[in-house]
Each structure stands twice: as C-alpha cells, then as structure tokens.
Amino acid sequence: MLSVLSLIDIVLVGSLIVMVMLSGYENFVSKLDADAAQESPAWLGKLDSGTLKLKVAASIVAISSIHLLRIFMNADATPNDKILWYVVLHLTFVVSAVLLGVLDRIAFASHRDS
C-alpha cells in the first residue's frame, strides 16, 4: 500500500511540473501552436495565472494528503510530536489553498459575470 501511495505521489508531482511548465510558457512567453498538435490537453489554452495558482495549491494539498496518509499508516514508528507537526503543516496548506480560492473568487468575480 505504501508503494502505491508513493507511485501516486510521484505521478502528482510529475503532472504538476508538466502543467506549470506548459501553462507558464503559454502565459508568460508565447502561445503554443495548438493547430499543429491535435492531441493537446484540454486545459492548455484555458489556464491563466490565477487558475494556475489554484491548481498548484490543490496539487500541493493532494501531495501533502498522500504524505500524511503514509505517515498515519506507519504511525507506530513516528513520534507523536512529529505527527502533530505533519498535521499542522498539512492544515496550513489546506487553509492557504482555501484562502487563495476565496481571494481569486473575490478579485475576479466581476470578470466572470460578463
């Protein structure tokens, strides 16, 4: 079970890196030629910097959740104070992601209505 969680963790980190690279290039350098590549991801032309921040925050929360689950599965070998710090760090990631979502919703609410 721990190896499956590690594999999921690696896949999430890899997809996060690819998403940040492609959408960062498209947002800040140049548009990618989507006509030449028929099998481009659906999100490729639709991620602005605010949406990218939210996706990165959600991915960090998911990666932290998987890491915390691995810690809980091996809780007898981990001291209680370290488990407490892992939970506090995970909750910090969750609160940060929620606040980013709320700020994005407040800041860009007028742009989405029109």
PDB file of N, CA and C in Angstrom:
ATOM      1  N   MET A   1       0.823  -1.201   0.000  1.00  0.00           N
ATOM      2  CA  MET A   1       0.000   0.000   0.000  1.00  0.00           C
ATOM      3  C   MET A   1       0.867   1.265   0.000  1.00  0.00           C
ATOM      4  N   LEU A   2       1.953   1.239   0.749  1.00  0.00           N
ATOM      5  CA  LEU A   2       2.840   2.402   0.777  1.00  0.00           C
ATOM      6  C   LEU A   2       3.502   2.643  -0.574  1.00  0.00           C
ATOM      7  N   SER A   3       3.803   1.576  -1.300  1.00  0.00           N
ATOM      8  CA  SER A   3       4.408   1.764  -2.620  1.00  0.00           C
ATOM      9  C   SER A   3       3.406   2.349  -3.609  1.00  0.00           C
ATOM     10  N   VAL A   4       2.142   1.978  -3.485  1.00  0.00           N
ATOM     11  CA  VAL A   4       1.103   2.561  -4.343  1.00  0.00           C
ATOM     12  C   VAL A   4       0.943   4.046  -4.035  1.00  0.00           C
ATOM     13  N   LEU A   5       0.966   4.401  -2.750  1.00  0.00           N
ATOM     14  CA  LEU A   5       0.872   5.814  -2.381  1.00  0.00           C
ATOM     15  C   LEU A   5       2.083   6.601  -2.891  1.00  0.00           C
ATOM     16  N   SER A   6       3.255   5.983  -2.848  1.00  0.00           N
ATOM     17  CA  SER A   6       4.447   6.644  -3.392  1.00  0.00           C
ATOM     18  C   SER A   6       4.334   6.845  -4.891  1.00  0.00           C
ATOM     19  N   LEU A   7       3.783   5.861  -5.585  1.00  0.00           N
ATOM     20  CA  LEU A   7       3.593   5.981  -7.029  1.00  0.00           C
ATOM     21  C   LEU A   7       2.601   7.099  -7.358  1.00  0.00           C
ATOM     22  N   ILE A   8       1.510   7.177  -6.609  1.00  0.00           N
ATOM     23  CA  ILE A   8       0.533   8.248  -6.819  1.00  0.00           C
ATOM     24  C   ILE A   8       1.169   9.611  -6.551  1.00  0.00           C
ATOM     25  N   ASP A   9       1.983   9.679  -5.518  1.00  0.00           N
ATOM     26  CA  ASP A   9       2.681  10.917  -5.177  1.00  0.00           C
ATOM     27  C   ASP A   9       3.603  11.355  -6.309  1.00  0.00           C
ATOM     28  N   ILE A  10       4.346  10.426  -6.875  1.00  0.00           N
ATOM     29  CA  ILE A  10       5.264  10.737  -7.977  1.00  0.00           C
ATOM     30  C   ILE A  10       4.486  11.200  -9.210  1.00  0.00           C
ATOM     31  N   VAL A  11       3.371  10.552  -9.498  1.00  0.00           N
ATOM     32  CA  VAL A  11       2.555  10.945 -10.652  1.00  0.00           C
ATOM     33  C   VAL A  11       1.988  12.349 -10.456  1.00  0.00           C
ATOM     34  N   LEU A  12       1.530  12.668  -9.238  1.00  0.00           N
ATOM     35  CA  LEU A  12       1.004  14.013  -8.979  1.00  0.00           C
ATOM     36  C   LEU A  12       2.079  15.080  -9.130  1.00  0.00           C
ATOM     37  N   VAL A  13       3.268  14.796  -8.631  1.00  0.00           N
ATOM     38  CA  VAL A  13       4.362  15.763  -8.759  1.00  0.00           C
ATOM     39  C   VAL A  13       4.744  15.937 -10.227  1.00  0.00           C
ATOM     40  N   GLY A  14       4.814  14.837 -10.968  1.00  0.00           N
ATOM     41  CA  GLY A  14       5.154  14.925 -12.391  1.00  0.00           C
ATOM     42  C   GLY A  14       4.120  15.702 -13.189  1.00  0.00           C
ATOM     43  N   SER A  15       2.841  15.445 -12.935  1.00  0.00           N
ATOM     44  CA  SER A  15       1.802  16.177 -13.671  1.00  0.00           C
ATOM     45  C   SER A  15       1.784  17.648 -13.272  1.00  0.00           C
ATOM     46  N   LEU A  16       2.097  17.933 -12.025  1.00  0.00           N
ATOM     47  CA  LEU A  16       2.188  19.329 -11.594  1.00  0.00           C
ATOM     48  C   LEU A  16       3.316  20.047 -12.313  1.00  0.00           C
ATOM     49  N   ILE A  17       4.448  19.398 -12.445  1.00  0.00           N
ATOM     50  CA  ILE A  17       5.586  20.008 -13.140  1.00  0.00           C
ATOM     51  C   ILE A  17       5.250  20.269 -14.601  1.00  0.00           C
ATOM     52  N   VAL A  18       4.629  19.301 -15.264  1.00  0.00           N
ATOM     53  CA  VAL A  18       4.269  19.476 -16.677  1.00  0.00           C
ATOM     54  C   VAL A  18       3.249  20.597 -16.834  1.00  0.00           C
ATOM     55  N   MET A  19       2.255  20.633 -15.951  1.00  0.00           N
ATOM     56  CA  MET A  19       1.224  21.668 -16.038  1.00  0.00           C
ATOM     57  C   MET A  19       1.817  23.055 -15.833  1.00  0.00           C
ATOM     58  N   VAL A  20       2.694  23.196 -14.867  1.00  0.00           N
ATOM     59  CA  VAL A  20       3.300  24.509 -14.600  1.00  0.00           C
ATOM     60  C   VAL A  20       4.204  24.916 -15.761  1.00  0.00           C
ATOM     61  N   MET A  21       4.968  23.977 -16.299  1.00  0.00           N
ATOM     62  CA  MET A  21       5.865  24.318 -17.419  1.00  0.00           C
ATOM     63  C   MET A  21       5.079  24.770 -18.644  1.00  0.00           C
ATOM     64  N   LEU A  22       4.094  23.990 -19.052  1.00  0.00           N
ATOM     65  CA  LEU A  22       3.356  24.315 -20.276  1.00  0.00           C
ATOM     66  C   LEU A  22       2.515  25.580 -20.123  1.00  0.00           C
ATOM     67  N   SER A  23       1.766  25.679 -19.044  1.00  0.00           N
ATOM     68  CA  SER A  23       0.922  26.860 -18.900  1.00  0.00           C
ATOM     69  C   SER A  23       1.742  28.103 -18.559  1.00  0.00           C
ATOM     70  N   GLY A  24       2.853  27.944 -17.854  1.00  0.00           N
ATOM     71  CA  GLY A  24       3.730  29.090 -17.607  1.00  0.00           C
ATOM     72  C   GLY A  24       4.342  29.610 -18.888  1.00  0.00           C
ATOM     73  N   TYR A  25       4.750  28.697 -19.764  1.00  0.00           N
ATOM     74  CA  TYR A  25       5.287  29.115 -21.065  1.00  0.00           C
ATOM     75  C   TYR A  25       4.211  29.837 -21.869  1.00  0.00           C
ATOM     76  N   GLU A  26       3.012  29.259 -21.874  1.00  0.00           N
ATOM     77  CA  GLU A  26       1.947  29.863 -22.675  1.00  0.00           C
ATOM     78  C   GLU A  26       1.489  31.202 -22.105  1.00  0.00           C
ATOM     79  N   ASN A  27       1.483  31.350 -20.788  1.00  0.00           N
ATOM     80  CA  ASN A  27       1.032  32.609 -20.173  1.00  0.00           C
ATOM     81  C   ASN A  27       2.066  33.715 -20.261  1.00  0.00           C
ATOM     82  N   PHE A  28       3.342  33.370 -20.108  1.00  0.00           N
ATOM     83  CA  PHE A  28       4.352  34.408 -19.939  1.00  0.00           C
ATOM     84  C   PHE A  28       5.331  34.543 -21.102  1.00  0.00           C
ATOM     85  N   VAL A  29       5.409  33.570 -22.004  1.00  0.00           N
ATOM     86  CA  VAL A  29       6.376  33.654 -23.098  1.00  0.00           C
ATOM     87  C   VAL A  29       5.658  33.793 -24.433  1.00  0.00           C
ATOM     88  N   SER A  30       4.983  32.736 -24.861  1.00  0.00           N
ATOM     89  CA  SER A  30       4.346  32.754 -26.168  1.00  0.00           C
ATOM     90  C   SER A  30       3.252  31.701 -26.200  1.00  0.00           C
ATOM     91  N   LYS A  31       2.266  31.913 -27.040  1.00  0.00           N
ATOM     92  CA  LYS A  31       1.215  30.918 -27.206  1.00  0.00           C
ATOM     93  C   LYS A  31       1.766  29.707 -27.947  1.00  0.00           C
ATOM     94  N   LEU A  32       1.346  28.519 -27.504  1.00  0.00           N
ATOM     95  CA  LEU A  32       1.753  27.300 -28.191  1.00  0.00           C
ATOM     96  C   LEU A  32       0.893  27.111 -29.429  1.00  0.00           C
ATOM     97  N   ASP A  33       1.455  26.493 -30.453  1.00  0.00           N
ATOM     98  CA  ASP A  33       0.738  26.249 -31.694  1.00  0.00           C
ATOM     99  C   ASP A  33      -0.159  25.037 -31.502  1.00  0.00           C
ATOM    100  N   ALA A  34      -1.417  25.272 -31.142  1.00  0.00           N
ATOM    101  CA  ALA A  34      -2.349  24.178 -30.859  1.00  0.00           C
ATOM    102  C   ALA A  34      -2.872  23.530 -32.130  1.00  0.00           C
ATOM    103  N   ASP A  35      -2.780  24.215 -33.273  1.00  0.00           N
ATOM    104  CA  ASP A  35      -3.280  23.626 -34.518  1.00  0.00           C
ATOM    105  C   ASP A  35      -2.397  22.485 -34.984  1.00  0.00           C
ATOM    106  N   ALA A  36      -1.109  22.579 -34.732  1.00  0.00           N
ATOM    107  CA  ALA A  36      -0.192  21.533 -35.165  1.00  0.00           C
ATOM    108  C   ALA A  36      -0.338  20.280 -34.320  1.00  0.00           C
ATOM    109  N   ALA A  37      -0.629  20.426 -33.067  1.00  0.00           N
ATOM    110  CA  ALA A  37      -0.757  19.270 -32.172  1.00  0.00           C
ATOM    111  C   ALA A  37      -2.238  18.994 -31.931  1.00  0.00           C
ATOM    112  N   GLN A  38      -2.769  17.963 -32.553  1.00  0.00           N
ATOM    113  CA  GLN A  38      -4.178  17.628 -32.420  1.00  0.00           C
ATOM    114  C   GLN A  38      -4.509  17.068 -31.041  1.00  0.00           C
ATOM    115  N   GLU A  39      -3.539  16.459 -30.387  1.00  0.00           N
ATOM    116  CA  GLU A  39      -3.794  15.805 -29.111  1.00  0.00           C
ATOM    117  C   GLU A  39      -3.253  16.623 -27.949  1.00  0.00           C
ATOM    118  N   SER A  40      -3.509  17.900 -27.950  1.00  0.00           N
ATOM    119  CA  SER A  40      -3.069  18.747 -26.845  1.00  0.00           C
ATOM    120  C   SER A  40      -4.070  18.633 -25.701  1.00  0.00           C
ATOM    121  N   PRO A  41      -3.619  18.835 -24.457  1.00  0.00           N
ATOM    122  CA  PRO A  41      -4.547  18.772 -23.317  1.00  0.00           C
ATOM    123  C   PRO A  41      -5.626  19.846 -23.405  1.00  0.00           C
ATOM    124  N   ALA A  42      -6.798  19.548 -22.881  1.00  0.00           N
ATOM    125  CA  ALA A  42      -7.923  20.476 -22.967  1.00  0.00           C
ATOM    126  C   ALA A  42      -7.678  21.740 -22.155  1.00  0.00           C
ATOM    127  N   TRP A  43      -6.878  21.662 -21.094  1.00  0.00           N
ATOM    128  CA  TRP A  43      -6.652  22.811 -20.221  1.00  0.00           C
ATOM    129  C   TRP A  43      -5.582  23.743 -20.756  1.00  0.00           C
ATOM    130  N   LEU A  44      -4.925  23.392 -21.840  1.00  0.00           N
ATOM    131  CA  LEU A  44      -3.730  24.108 -22.278  1.00  0.00           C
ATOM    132  C   LEU A  44      -3.981  25.577 -22.574  1.00  0.00           C
ATOM    133  N   GLY A  45      -5.025  25.924 -23.257  1.00  0.00           N
ATOM    134  CA  GLY A  45      -5.258  27.318 -23.594  1.00  0.00           C
ATOM    135  C   GLY A  45      -6.119  28.066 -22.592  1.00  0.00           C
ATOM    136  N   LYS A  46      -6.529  27.396 -21.514  1.00  0.00           N
ATOM    137  CA  LYS A  46      -7.515  27.979 -20.614  1.00  0.00           C
ATOM    138  C   LYS A  46      -6.980  28.350 -19.237  1.00  0.00           C
ATOM    139  N   LEU A  47      -5.710  28.129 -18.956  1.00  0.00           N
ATOM    140  CA  LEU A  47      -5.178  28.418 -17.629  1.00  0.00           C
ATOM    141  C   LEU A  47      -4.528  29.794 -17.600  1.00  0.00           C
ATOM    142  N   ASP A  48      -5.118  30.700 -16.844  1.00  0.00           N
ATOM    143  CA  ASP A  48      -4.455  31.972 -16.598  1.00  0.00           C
ATOM    144  C   ASP A  48      -3.627  31.831 -15.320  1.00  0.00           C
ATOM    145  N   SER A  49      -2.968  32.888 -14.916  1.00  0.00           N
ATOM    146  CA  SER A  49      -2.078  32.770 -13.763  1.00  0.00           C
ATOM    147  C   SER A  49      -2.852  32.511 -12.467  1.00  0.00           C
ATOM    148  N   GLY A  50      -4.047  33.049 -12.329  1.00  0.00           N
ATOM    149  CA  GLY A  50      -4.855  32.806 -11.131  1.00  0.00           C
ATOM    150  C   GLY A  50      -5.311  31.362 -11.036  1.00  0.00           C
ATOM    151  N   THR A  51      -5.785  30.823 -12.151  1.00  0.00           N
ATOM    152  CA  THR A  51      -6.206  29.426 -12.179  1.00  0.00           C
ATOM    153  C   THR A  51      -5.024  28.503 -11.955  1.00  0.00           C
ATOM    154  N   LEU A  52      -3.879  28.862 -12.496  1.00  0.00           N
ATOM    155  CA  LEU A  52      -2.678  28.057 -12.303  1.00  0.00           C
ATOM    156  C   LEU A  52      -2.295  28.018 -10.827  1.00  0.00           C
ATOM    157  N   LYS A  53      -2.405  29.157 -10.136  1.00  0.00           N
ATOM    158  CA  LYS A  53      -2.109  29.181  -8.699  1.00  0.00           C
ATOM    159  C   LYS A  53      -3.043  28.255  -7.933  1.00  0.00           C
ATOM    160  N   LEU A  54      -4.320  28.263  -8.292  1.00  0.00           N
ATOM    161  CA  LEU A  54      -5.270  27.391  -7.614  1.00  0.00           C
ATOM    162  C   LEU A  54      -4.977  25.922  -7.874  1.00  0.00           C
ATOM    163  N   LYS A  55      -4.623  25.584  -9.102  1.00  0.00           N
ATOM    164  CA  LYS A  55      -4.304  24.191  -9.419  1.00  0.00           C
ATOM    165  C   LYS A  55      -3.037  23.735  -8.711  1.00  0.00           C
ATOM    166  N   VAL A  56      -2.047  24.605  -8.621  1.00  0.00           N
ATOM    167  CA  VAL A  56      -0.816  24.267  -7.903  1.00  0.00           C
ATOM    168  C   VAL A  56      -1.114  24.074  -6.415  1.00  0.00           C
ATOM    169  N   ALA A  57      -1.925  24.947  -5.849  1.00  0.00           N
ATOM    170  CA  ALA A  57      -2.279  24.818  -4.430  1.00  0.00           C
ATOM    171  C   ALA A  57      -3.056  23.528  -4.177  1.00  0.00           C
ATOM    172  N   ALA A  58      -3.984  23.192  -5.063  1.00  0.00           N
ATOM    173  CA  ALA A  58      -4.737  21.945  -4.907  1.00  0.00           C
ATOM    174  C   ALA A  58      -3.826  20.732  -5.044  1.00  0.00           C
ATOM    175  N   SER A  59      -2.868  20.795  -5.947  1.00  0.00           N
ATOM    176  CA  SER A  59      -1.928  19.687  -6.097  1.00  0.00           C
ATOM    177  C   SER A  59      -1.035  19.545  -4.873  1.00  0.00           C
ATOM    178  N   ILE A  60      -0.613  20.657  -4.306  1.00  0.00           N
ATOM    179  CA  ILE A  60       0.211  20.604  -3.093  1.00  0.00           C
ATOM    180  C   ILE A  60      -0.589  20.005  -1.944  1.00  0.00           C
ATOM    181  N   VAL A  61      -1.867  20.346  -1.822  1.00  0.00           N
ATOM    182  CA  VAL A  61      -2.706  19.758  -0.781  1.00  0.00           C
ATOM    183  C   VAL A  61      -2.864  18.257  -1.005  1.00  0.00           C
ATOM    184  N   ALA A  62      -3.047  17.839  -2.257  1.00  0.00           N
ATOM    185  CA  ALA A  62      -3.181  16.414  -2.548  1.00  0.00           C
ATOM    186  C   ALA A  62      -1.890  15.657  -2.231  1.00  0.00           C
ATOM    187  N   ILE A  63      -0.753  16.229  -2.596  1.00  0.00           N
ATOM    188  CA  ILE A  63       0.529  15.595  -2.302  1.00  0.00           C
ATOM    189  C   ILE A  63       0.750  15.529  -0.794  1.00  0.00           C
ATOM    190  N   SER A  64       0.404  16.597  -0.100  1.00  0.00           N
ATOM    191  CA  SER A  64       0.534  16.605   1.361  1.00  0.00           C
ATOM    192  C   SER A  64      -0.401  15.581   1.997  1.00  0.00           C
ATOM    193  N   SER A  65      -1.598  15.417   1.457  1.00  0.00           N
ATOM    194  CA  SER A  65      -2.543  14.425   1.973  1.00  0.00           C
ATOM    195  C   SER A  65      -1.994  13.016   1.833  1.00  0.00           C
ATOM    196  N   ILE A  66      -1.401  12.735   0.691  1.00  0.00           N
ATOM    197  CA  ILE A  66      -0.829  11.409   0.478  1.00  0.00           C
ATOM    198  C   ILE A  66       0.341  11.176   1.422  1.00  0.00           C
ATOM    199  N   HIS A  67       1.166  12.182   1.603  1.00  0.00           N
ATOM    200  CA  HIS A  67       2.291  12.049   2.531  1.00  0.00           C
ATOM    201  C   HIS A  67       1.792  11.853   3.965  1.00  0.00           C
ATOM    202  N   LEU A  68       0.767  12.575   4.351  1.00  0.00           N
ATOM    203  CA  LEU A  68       0.204  12.434   5.686  1.00  0.00           C
ATOM    204  C   LEU A  68      -0.426  11.053   5.873  1.00  0.00           C
ATOM    205  N   LEU A  69      -1.060  10.539   4.839  1.00  0.00           N
ATOM    206  CA  LEU A  69      -1.625   9.193   4.909  1.00  0.00           C
ATOM    207  C   LEU A  69      -0.527   8.152   5.087  1.00  0.00           C
ATOM    208  N   ARG A  70       0.595   8.342   4.394  1.00  0.00           N
ATOM    209  CA  ARG A  70       1.728   7.424   4.583  1.00  0.00           C
ATOM    210  C   ARG A  70       2.252   7.500   6.008  1.00  0.00           C
ATOM    211  N   ILE A  71       2.295   8.696   6.579  1.00  0.00           N
ATOM    212  CA  ILE A  71       2.736   8.854   7.971  1.00  0.00           C
ATOM    213  C   ILE A  71       1.764   8.147   8.915  1.00  0.00           C
ATOM    214  N   PHE A  72       0.459   8.303   8.674  1.00  0.00           N
ATOM    215  CA  PHE A  72      -0.539   7.663   9.533  1.00  0.00           C
ATOM    216  C   PHE A  72      -0.491   6.140   9.425  1.00  0.00           C
ATOM    217  N   MET A  73      -0.182   5.631   8.244  1.00  0.00           N
ATOM    218  CA  MET A  73      -0.100   4.178   8.084  1.00  0.00           C
ATOM    219  C   MET A  73       1.099   3.595   8.813  1.00  0.00           C
ATOM    220  N   ASN A  74       2.096   4.418   9.071  1.00  0.00           N
ATOM    221  CA  ASN A  74       3.282   3.977   9.784  1.00  0.00           C
ATOM    222  C   ASN A  74       3.420   4.786  11.084  1.00  0.00           C
ATOM    223  N   ALA A  75       2.293   5.009  11.759  1.00  0.00           N
ATOM    224  CA  ALA A  75       2.262   5.904  12.918  1.00  0.00           C
ATOM    225  C   ALA A  75       3.005   5.347  14.121  1.00  0.00           C
ATOM    226  N   ASP A  76       3.105   4.029  14.238  1.00  0.00           N
ATOM    227  CA  ASP A  76       3.785   3.467  15.398  1.00  0.00           C
ATOM    228  C   ASP A  76       5.287   3.725  15.374  1.00  0.00           C
ATOM    229  N   ALA A  77       5.854   3.992  14.206  1.00  0.00           N
ATOM    230  CA  ALA A  77       7.288   4.267  14.099  1.00  0.00           C
ATOM    231  C   ALA A  77       7.601   5.763  14.109  1.00  0.00           C
ATOM    232  N   THR A  78       6.577   6.596  14.119  1.00  0.00           N
ATOM    233  CA  THR A  78       6.769   8.047  14.091  1.00  0.00           C
ATOM    234  C   THR A  78       6.376   8.633  15.447  1.00  0.00           C
ATOM    235  N   PRO A  79       7.227   9.465  16.025  1.00  0.00           N
ATOM    236  CA  PRO A  79       6.865  10.094  17.309  1.00  0.00           C
ATOM    237  C   PRO A  79       5.643  10.998  17.168  1.00  0.00           C
ATOM    238  N   ASN A  80       4.889  11.119  18.254  1.00  0.00           N
ATOM    239  CA  ASN A  80       3.645  11.895  18.234  1.00  0.00           C
ATOM    240  C   ASN A  80       3.867  13.368  17.933  1.00  0.00           C
ATOM    241  N   ASP A  81       4.978  13.933  18.392  1.00  0.00           N
ATOM    242  CA  ASP A  81       5.210  15.349  18.114  1.00  0.00           C
ATOM    243  C   ASP A  81       5.475  15.592  16.631  1.00  0.00           C
ATOM    244  N   LYS A  82       6.134  14.639  15.966  1.00  0.00           N
ATOM    245  CA  LYS A  82       6.329  14.782  14.512  1.00  0.00           C
ATOM    246  C   LYS A  82       5.006  14.651  13.765  1.00  0.00           C
ATOM    247  N   ILE A  83       4.143  13.741  14.209  1.00  0.00           N
ATOM    248  CA  ILE A  83       2.829  13.596  13.576  1.00  0.00           C
ATOM    249  C   ILE A  83       2.033  14.883  13.727  1.00  0.00           C
ATOM    250  N   LEU A  84       2.110  15.492  14.901  1.00  0.00           N
ATOM    251  CA  LEU A  84       1.420  16.761  15.117  1.00  0.00           C
ATOM    252  C   LEU A  84       1.925  17.829  14.156  1.00  0.00           C
ATOM    253  N   TRP A  85       3.234  17.914  13.952  1.00  0.00           N
ATOM    254  CA  TRP A  85       3.784  18.906  13.026  1.00  0.00           C
ATOM    255  C   TRP A  85       3.396  18.613  11.586  1.00  0.00           C
ATOM    256  N   TYR A  86       3.316  17.321  11.207  1.00  0.00           N
ATOM    257  CA  TYR A  86       2.855  16.980   9.863  1.00  0.00           C
ATOM    258  C   TYR A  86       1.406  17.425   9.659  1.00  0.00           C
ATOM    259  N   VAL A  87       0.565  17.224  10.681  1.00  0.00           N
ATOM    260  CA  VAL A  87      -0.838  17.631  10.572  1.00  0.00           C
ATOM    261  C   VAL A  87      -0.946  19.158  10.496  1.00  0.00           C
ATOM    262  N   VAL A  88      -0.178  19.858  11.312  1.00  0.00           N
ATOM    263  CA  VAL A  88      -0.197  21.327  11.286  1.00  0.00           C
ATOM    264  C   VAL A  88       0.253  21.847   9.924  1.00  0.00           C
ATOM    265  N   LEU A  89       1.306  21.255   9.369  1.00  0.00           N
ATOM    266  CA  LEU A  89       1.784  21.667   8.047  1.00  0.00           C
ATOM    267  C   LEU A  89       0.739  21.390   6.972  1.00  0.00           C
ATOM    268  N   HIS A  90       0.095  20.243   7.034  1.00  0.00           N
ATOM    269  CA  HIS A  90      -0.946  19.919   6.061  1.00  0.00           C
ATOM    270  C   HIS A  90      -2.120  20.892   6.180  1.00  0.00           C
ATOM    271  N   LEU A  91      -2.539  21.189   7.406  1.00  0.00           N
ATOM    272  CA  LEU A  91      -3.642  22.135   7.590  1.00  0.00           C
ATOM    273  C   LEU A  91      -3.265  23.531   7.106  1.00  0.00           C
ATOM    274  N   THR A  92      -1.998  23.883   7.224  1.00  0.00           N
ATOM    275  CA  THR A  92      -1.525  25.163   6.682  1.00  0.00           C
ATOM    276  C   THR A  92      -1.685  25.194   5.171  1.00  0.00           C
ATOM    277  N   PHE A  93      -1.330  24.086   4.508  1.00  0.00           N
ATOM    278  CA  PHE A  93      -1.515  24.002   3.052  1.00  0.00           C
ATOM    279  C   PHE A  93      -2.993  24.099   2.684  1.00  0.00           C
ATOM    280  N   VAL A  94      -3.842  23.423   3.432  1.00  0.00           N
ATOM    281  CA  VAL A  94      -5.277  23.439   3.140  1.00  0.00           C
ATOM    282  C   VAL A  94      -5.845  24.847   3.304  1.00  0.00           C
ATOM    283  N   VAL A  95      -5.519  25.499   4.400  1.00  0.00           N
ATOM    284  CA  VAL A  95      -6.020  26.855   4.646  1.00  0.00           C
ATOM    285  C   VAL A  95      -5.501  27.819   3.579  1.00  0.00           C
ATOM    286  N   SER A  96      -4.246  27.668   3.196  1.00  0.00           N
ATOM    287  CA  SER A  96      -3.685  28.533   2.146  1.00  0.00           C
ATOM    288  C   SER A  96      -4.414  28.335   0.825  1.00  0.00           C
ATOM    289  N   ALA A  97      -4.706  27.090   0.471  1.00  0.00           N
ATOM    290  CA  ALA A  97      -5.414  26.823  -0.788  1.00  0.00           C
ATOM    291  C   ALA A  97      -6.825  27.392  -0.748  1.00  0.00           C
ATOM    292  N   VAL A  98      -7.501  27.245   0.385  1.00  0.00           N
ATOM    293  CA  VAL A  98      -8.853  27.790   0.507  1.00  0.00           C
ATOM    294  C   VAL A  98      -8.828  29.319   0.419  1.00  0.00           C
ATOM    295  N   LEU A  99      -7.870  29.939   1.084  1.00  0.00           N
ATOM    296  CA  LEU A  99      -7.770  31.399   1.021  1.00  0.00           C
ATOM    297  C   LEU A  99      -7.425  31.888  -0.384  1.00  0.00           C
ATOM    298  N   LEU A 100      -6.579  31.153  -1.100  1.00  0.00           N
ATOM    299  CA  LEU A 100      -6.296  31.515  -2.493  1.00  0.00           C
ATOM    300  C   LEU A 100      -7.559  31.444  -3.339  1.00  0.00           C
ATOM    301  N   GLY A 101      -8.366  30.408  -3.121  1.00  0.00           N
ATOM    302  CA  GLY A 101      -9.624  30.288  -3.854  1.00  0.00           C
ATOM    303  C   GLY A 101     -10.593  31.409  -3.541  1.00  0.00           C
ATOM    304  N   VAL A 102     -10.689  31.769  -2.266  1.00  0.00           N
ATOM    305  CA  VAL A 102     -11.585  32.855  -1.867  1.00  0.00           C
ATOM    306  C   VAL A 102     -11.107  34.182  -2.448  1.00  0.00           C
ATOM    307  N   LEU A 103      -9.804  34.439  -2.364  1.00  0.00           N
ATOM    308  CA  LEU A 103      -9.275  35.684  -2.925  1.00  0.00           C
ATOM    309  C   LEU A 103      -9.464  35.745  -4.435  1.00  0.00           C
ATOM    310  N   ASP A 104      -9.283  34.623  -5.113  1.00  0.00           N
ATOM    311  CA  ASP A 104      -9.496  34.594  -6.561  1.00  0.00           C
ATOM    312  C   ASP A 104     -10.957  34.856  -6.890  1.00  0.00           C
ATOM    313  N   ARG A 105     -11.835  34.275  -6.117  1.00  0.00           N
ATOM    314  CA  ARG A 105     -13.265  34.480  -6.358  1.00  0.00           C
ATOM    315  C   ARG A 105     -13.659  35.938  -6.116  1.00  0.00           C
ATOM    316  N   ILE A 106     -13.114  36.543  -5.061  1.00  0.00           N
ATOM    317  CA  ILE A 106     -13.428  37.946  -4.763  1.00  0.00           C
ATOM    318  C   ILE A 106     -12.835  38.873  -5.817  1.00  0.00           C
ATOM    319  N   ALA A 107     -11.586  38.632  -6.191  1.00  0.00           N
ATOM    320  CA  ALA A 107     -10.892  39.542  -7.102  1.00  0.00           C
ATOM    321  C   ALA A 107     -11.434  39.484  -8.524  1.00  0.00           C
ATOM    322  N   PHE A 108     -11.813  38.304  -8.982  1.00  0.00           N
ATOM    323  CA  PHE A 108     -12.206  38.162 -10.388  1.00  0.00           C
ATOM    324  C   PHE A 108     -13.678  37.868 -10.565  1.00  0.00           C
ATOM    325  N   ALA A 109     -14.498  38.147  -9.568  1.00  0.00           N
ATOM    326  CA  ALA A 109     -15.938  37.889  -9.681  1.00  0.00           C
ATOM    327  C   ALA A 109     -16.569  38.760 -10.757  1.00  0.00           C
ATOM    328  N   SER A 110     -16.131  39.997 -10.868  1.00  0.00           N
ATOM    329  CA  SER A 110     -16.727  40.893 -11.870  1.00  0.00           C
ATOM    330  C   SER A 110     -16.341  40.481 -13.279  1.00  0.00           C
ATOM    331  N   HIS A 111     -15.164  39.887 -13.464  1.00  0.00           N
ATOM    332  CA  HIS A 111     -14.742  39.457 -14.803  1.00  0.00           C
ATOM    333  C   HIS A 111     -15.477  38.218 -15.270  1.00  0.00           C
ATOM    334  N   ARG A 112     -15.871  37.363 -14.346  1.00  0.00           N
ATOM    335  CA  ARG A 112     -16.535  36.110 -14.713  1.00  0.00           C
ATOM    336  C   ARG A 112     -18.023  36.305 -15.008  1.00  0.00           C
ATOM    337  N   ASP A 113     -18.620  37.339 -14.446  1.00  0.00           N
ATOM    338  CA  ASP A 113     -20.058  37.559 -14.661  1.00  0.00           C
ATOM    339  C   ASP A 113     -20.359  38.040 -16.069  1.00  0.00           C
ATOM    340  N   SER A 114     -19.426  38.730 -16.682  1.00  0.00           N
ATOM    341  CA  SER A 114     -19.713  39.288 -18.014  1.00  0.00           C
ATOM    342  C   SER A 114     -19.330  38.359 -19.127  1.00  0.00           C
TER     343      SER A 114
END
